[in-house]
């Protein structure tokens, strides 16, 4: 059986890819444009659950220093640990490179309420 994938976008520059019951969050092209080239990141440590509007990642880009927050609550499955040594991966448009965190136990309605287009 092939799992279906669905892509959504948050207002703060994140893409969210749903595959089965897993949700992968990354930095969208809009987020990249807003921040400029990412040079430094700070990933919250020892996080097992993220609530809506909690920090997913803190980062410093050429244009801004900010914290990106989750558009919904969920259980943390994994963080993209390679970002700690290679924050420039967030400058890529490749979804295999510029993802930040993977979640499960997400409210389907909260995911479906997000935009289908980069905004």
C-alpha atoms as a PDB file:
ATOM      1  CA  UNK A   1       0.000   0.000   0.000  1.00  0.00           C
ATOM      2  CA  UNK A   2       1.307   3.429  -0.941  1.00  0.00           C
ATOM      3  CA  UNK A   3       0.871   6.088   1.712  1.00  0.00           C
ATOM      4  CA  UNK A   4      -0.656   9.303   0.441  1.00  0.00           C
ATOM      5  CA  UNK A   5       1.157  12.551   1.008  1.00  0.00           C
ATOM      6  CA  UNK A   6      -0.401  15.965   1.510  1.00  0.00           C
ATOM      7  CA  UNK A   7       1.438  19.302   1.683  1.00  0.00           C
ATOM      8  CA  UNK A   8       0.250  22.358   3.624  1.00  0.00           C
ATOM      9  CA  UNK A   9       1.842  25.701   4.534  1.00  0.00           C
ATOM     10  CA  UNK A  10       1.734  27.851   7.678  1.00  0.00           C
ATOM     11  CA  UNK A  11       1.643  31.650   7.757  1.00  0.00           C
ATOM     12  CA  UNK A  12       5.062  31.838   9.437  1.00  0.00           C
ATOM     13  CA  UNK A  13       7.009  30.265   6.573  1.00  0.00           C
ATOM     14  CA  UNK A  14       6.834  26.533   7.256  1.00  0.00           C
ATOM     15  CA  UNK A  15       5.831  23.649   5.006  1.00  0.00           C
ATOM     16  CA  UNK A  16       4.168  20.603   6.521  1.00  0.00           C
ATOM     17  CA  UNK A  17       4.179  17.268   4.689  1.00  0.00           C
ATOM     18  CA  UNK A  18       1.782  14.622   5.971  1.00  0.00           C
ATOM     19  CA  UNK A  19       2.681  11.026   5.153  1.00  0.00           C
ATOM     20  CA  UNK A  20       0.382   8.519   6.793  1.00  0.00           C
ATOM     21  CA  UNK A  21       0.221   9.602  10.448  1.00  0.00           C
ATOM     22  CA  UNK A  22       3.563  11.435  10.386  1.00  0.00           C
ATOM     23  CA  UNK A  23       3.961  15.180   9.856  1.00  0.00           C
ATOM     24  CA  UNK A  24       7.320  16.576   8.702  1.00  0.00           C
ATOM     25  CA  UNK A  25       7.826  20.326   9.165  1.00  0.00           C
ATOM     26  CA  UNK A  26      10.399  22.325   7.218  1.00  0.00           C
ATOM     27  CA  UNK A  27      11.302  25.815   6.041  1.00  0.00           C
ATOM     28  CA  UNK A  28       9.314  26.917   2.972  1.00  0.00           C
ATOM     29  CA  UNK A  29      10.523  29.121   0.155  1.00  0.00           C
ATOM     30  CA  UNK A  30       8.594  32.005   1.764  1.00  0.00           C
ATOM     31  CA  UNK A  31      10.340  31.360   5.078  1.00  0.00           C
ATOM     32  CA  UNK A  32      13.697  31.268   3.321  1.00  0.00           C
ATOM     33  CA  UNK A  33      12.926  34.572   1.585  1.00  0.00           C
ATOM     34  CA  UNK A  34      11.797  36.204   4.862  1.00  0.00           C
ATOM     35  CA  UNK A  35      14.906  35.093   6.767  1.00  0.00           C
ATOM     36  CA  UNK A  36      17.598  35.260   4.136  1.00  0.00           C
ATOM     37  CA  UNK A  37      20.455  32.789   4.268  1.00  0.00           C
ATOM     38  CA  UNK A  38      20.291  30.748   7.492  1.00  0.00           C
ATOM     39  CA  UNK A  39      23.599  30.846   9.351  1.00  0.00           C
ATOM     40  CA  UNK A  40      22.829  29.564  12.869  1.00  0.00           C
ATOM     41  CA  UNK A  41      20.105  27.447  14.462  1.00  0.00           C
ATOM     42  CA  UNK A  42      19.081  26.416  17.940  1.00  0.00           C
ATOM     43  CA  UNK A  43      16.959  23.315  18.319  1.00  0.00           C
ATOM     44  CA  UNK A  44      15.099  22.849  21.607  1.00  0.00           C
ATOM     45  CA  UNK A  45      16.649  19.926  23.466  1.00  0.00           C
ATOM     46  CA  UNK A  46      14.890  17.050  25.197  1.00  0.00           C
ATOM     47  CA  UNK A  47      11.529  17.998  23.672  1.00  0.00           C
ATOM     48  CA  UNK A  48       9.064  15.130  23.380  1.00  0.00           C
ATOM     49  CA  UNK A  49       5.929  17.158  22.610  1.00  0.00           C
ATOM     50  CA  UNK A  50       5.280  20.509  20.972  1.00  0.00           C
ATOM     51  CA  UNK A  51       2.149  22.523  21.620  1.00  0.00           C
ATOM     52  CA  UNK A  52       0.604  24.929  19.125  1.00  0.00           C
ATOM     53  CA  UNK A  53       2.660  28.165  18.906  1.00  0.00           C
ATOM     54  CA  UNK A  54       5.613  26.648  20.807  1.00  0.00           C
ATOM     55  CA  UNK A  55       9.093  27.093  19.360  1.00  0.00           C
ATOM     56  CA  UNK A  56      10.114  24.452  16.831  1.00  0.00           C
ATOM     57  CA  UNK A  57      13.496  26.040  16.101  1.00  0.00           C
ATOM     58  CA  UNK A  58      15.332  29.278  16.772  1.00  0.00           C
ATOM     59  CA  UNK A  59      17.387  30.590  13.894  1.00  0.00           C
ATOM     60  CA  UNK A  60      19.522  33.418  12.680  1.00  0.00           C
ATOM     61  CA  UNK A  61      19.361  34.404   9.043  1.00  0.00           C
ATOM     62  CA  UNK A  62      20.868  37.200   6.988  1.00  0.00           C
ATOM     63  CA  UNK A  63      17.643  39.228   7.319  1.00  0.00           C
ATOM     64  CA  UNK A  64      16.225  38.188  10.701  1.00  0.00           C
ATOM     65  CA  UNK A  65      16.710  36.404  14.010  1.00  0.00           C
ATOM     66  CA  UNK A  66      13.548  34.595  15.004  1.00  0.00           C
ATOM     67  CA  UNK A  67      11.868  31.566  16.517  1.00  0.00           C
ATOM     68  CA  UNK A  68       9.625  29.520  14.267  1.00  0.00           C
ATOM     69  CA  UNK A  69       6.593  28.136  16.048  1.00  0.00           C
ATOM     70  CA  UNK A  70       4.501  25.057  15.407  1.00  0.00           C
ATOM     71  CA  UNK A  71       1.124  25.547  13.684  1.00  0.00           C
ATOM     72  CA  UNK A  72      -0.318  22.683  15.778  1.00  0.00           C
ATOM     73  CA  UNK A  73       0.426  20.367  18.701  1.00  0.00           C
ATOM     74  CA  UNK A  74       2.037  16.972  18.281  1.00  0.00           C
ATOM     75  CA  UNK A  75       4.383  14.341  19.660  1.00  0.00           C
ATOM     76  CA  UNK A  76       7.995  14.759  18.523  1.00  0.00           C
ATOM     77  CA  UNK A  77       9.267  11.701  16.645  1.00  0.00           C
ATOM     78  CA  UNK A  78      12.605  13.193  15.591  1.00  0.00           C
ATOM     79  CA  UNK A  79      14.528  16.370  14.942  1.00  0.00           C
ATOM     80  CA  UNK A  80      16.758  16.746  11.889  1.00  0.00           C
ATOM     81  CA  UNK A  81      19.956  16.439  13.909  1.00  0.00           C
ATOM     82  CA  UNK A  82      22.243  17.191  10.932  1.00  0.00           C
ATOM     83  CA  UNK A  83      21.050  20.822  11.107  1.00  0.00           C
ATOM     84  CA  UNK A  84      23.118  21.380  14.264  1.00  0.00           C
ATOM     85  CA  UNK A  85      26.336  21.069  12.220  1.00  0.00           C
ATOM     86  CA  UNK A  86      24.894  22.128   8.867  1.00  0.00           C
ATOM     87  CA  UNK A  87      22.288  24.892   9.375  1.00  0.00           C
ATOM     88  CA  UNK A  88      22.761  25.825   5.705  1.00  0.00           C
ATOM     89  CA  UNK A  89      20.580  22.785   4.845  1.00  0.00           C
ATOM     90  CA  UNK A  90      17.634  25.074   5.631  1.00  0.00           C
ATOM     91  CA  UNK A  91      18.638  27.216   2.626  1.00  0.00           C
ATOM     92  CA  UNK A  92      17.911  24.294   0.291  1.00  0.00           C
ATOM     93  CA  UNK A  93      14.600  23.832  -1.522  1.00  0.00           C
ATOM     94  CA  UNK A  94      15.026  20.049  -1.219  1.00  0.00           C
ATOM     95  CA  UNK A  95      12.453  18.737   1.273  1.00  0.00           C
ATOM     96  CA  UNK A  96      14.856  15.941   2.236  1.00  0.00           C
ATOM     97  CA  UNK A  97      17.408  18.552   3.352  1.00  0.00           C
ATOM     98  CA  UNK A  98      15.416  21.430   4.831  1.00  0.00           C
ATOM     99  CA  UNK A  99      13.091  19.642   7.227  1.00  0.00           C
ATOM    100  CA  UNK A 100      13.250  20.473  10.939  1.00  0.00           C
ATOM    101  CA  UNK A 101      11.061  18.124  12.968  1.00  0.00           C
ATOM    102  CA  UNK A 102       8.721  15.164  12.542  1.00  0.00           C
ATOM    103  CA  UNK A 103       5.549  14.838  14.617  1.00  0.00           C
ATOM    104  CA  UNK A 104       2.755  12.332  15.194  1.00  0.00           C
ATOM    105  CA  UNK A 105      -0.482  12.583  17.209  1.00  0.00           C
ATOM    106  CA  UNK A 106      -1.504  15.743  15.354  1.00  0.00           C
ATOM    107  CA  UNK A 107      -5.127  16.924  15.205  1.00  0.00           C
ATOM    108  CA  UNK A 108      -6.156  16.299  11.587  1.00  0.00           C
ATOM    109  CA  UNK A 109      -8.485  19.325  11.630  1.00  0.00           C
ATOM    110  CA  UNK A 110      -5.601  21.615  12.684  1.00  0.00           C
ATOM    111  CA  UNK A 111      -3.509  20.309   9.775  1.00  0.00           C
ATOM    112  CA  UNK A 112      -6.372  20.642   7.280  1.00  0.00           C
ATOM    113  CA  UNK A 113      -6.977  24.244   8.398  1.00  0.00           C
ATOM    114  CA  UNK A 114      -3.563  25.264   7.036  1.00  0.00           C
ATOM    115  CA  UNK A 115      -3.123  26.741   3.564  1.00  0.00           C
ATOM    116  CA  UNK A 116      -2.653  24.694   0.394  1.00  0.00           C
ATOM    117  CA  UNK A 117      -0.491  27.498  -1.006  1.00  0.00           C
ATOM    118  CA  UNK A 118       2.725  29.151   0.171  1.00  0.00           C
ATOM    119  CA  UNK A 119       1.572  32.334   1.907  1.00  0.00           C
END
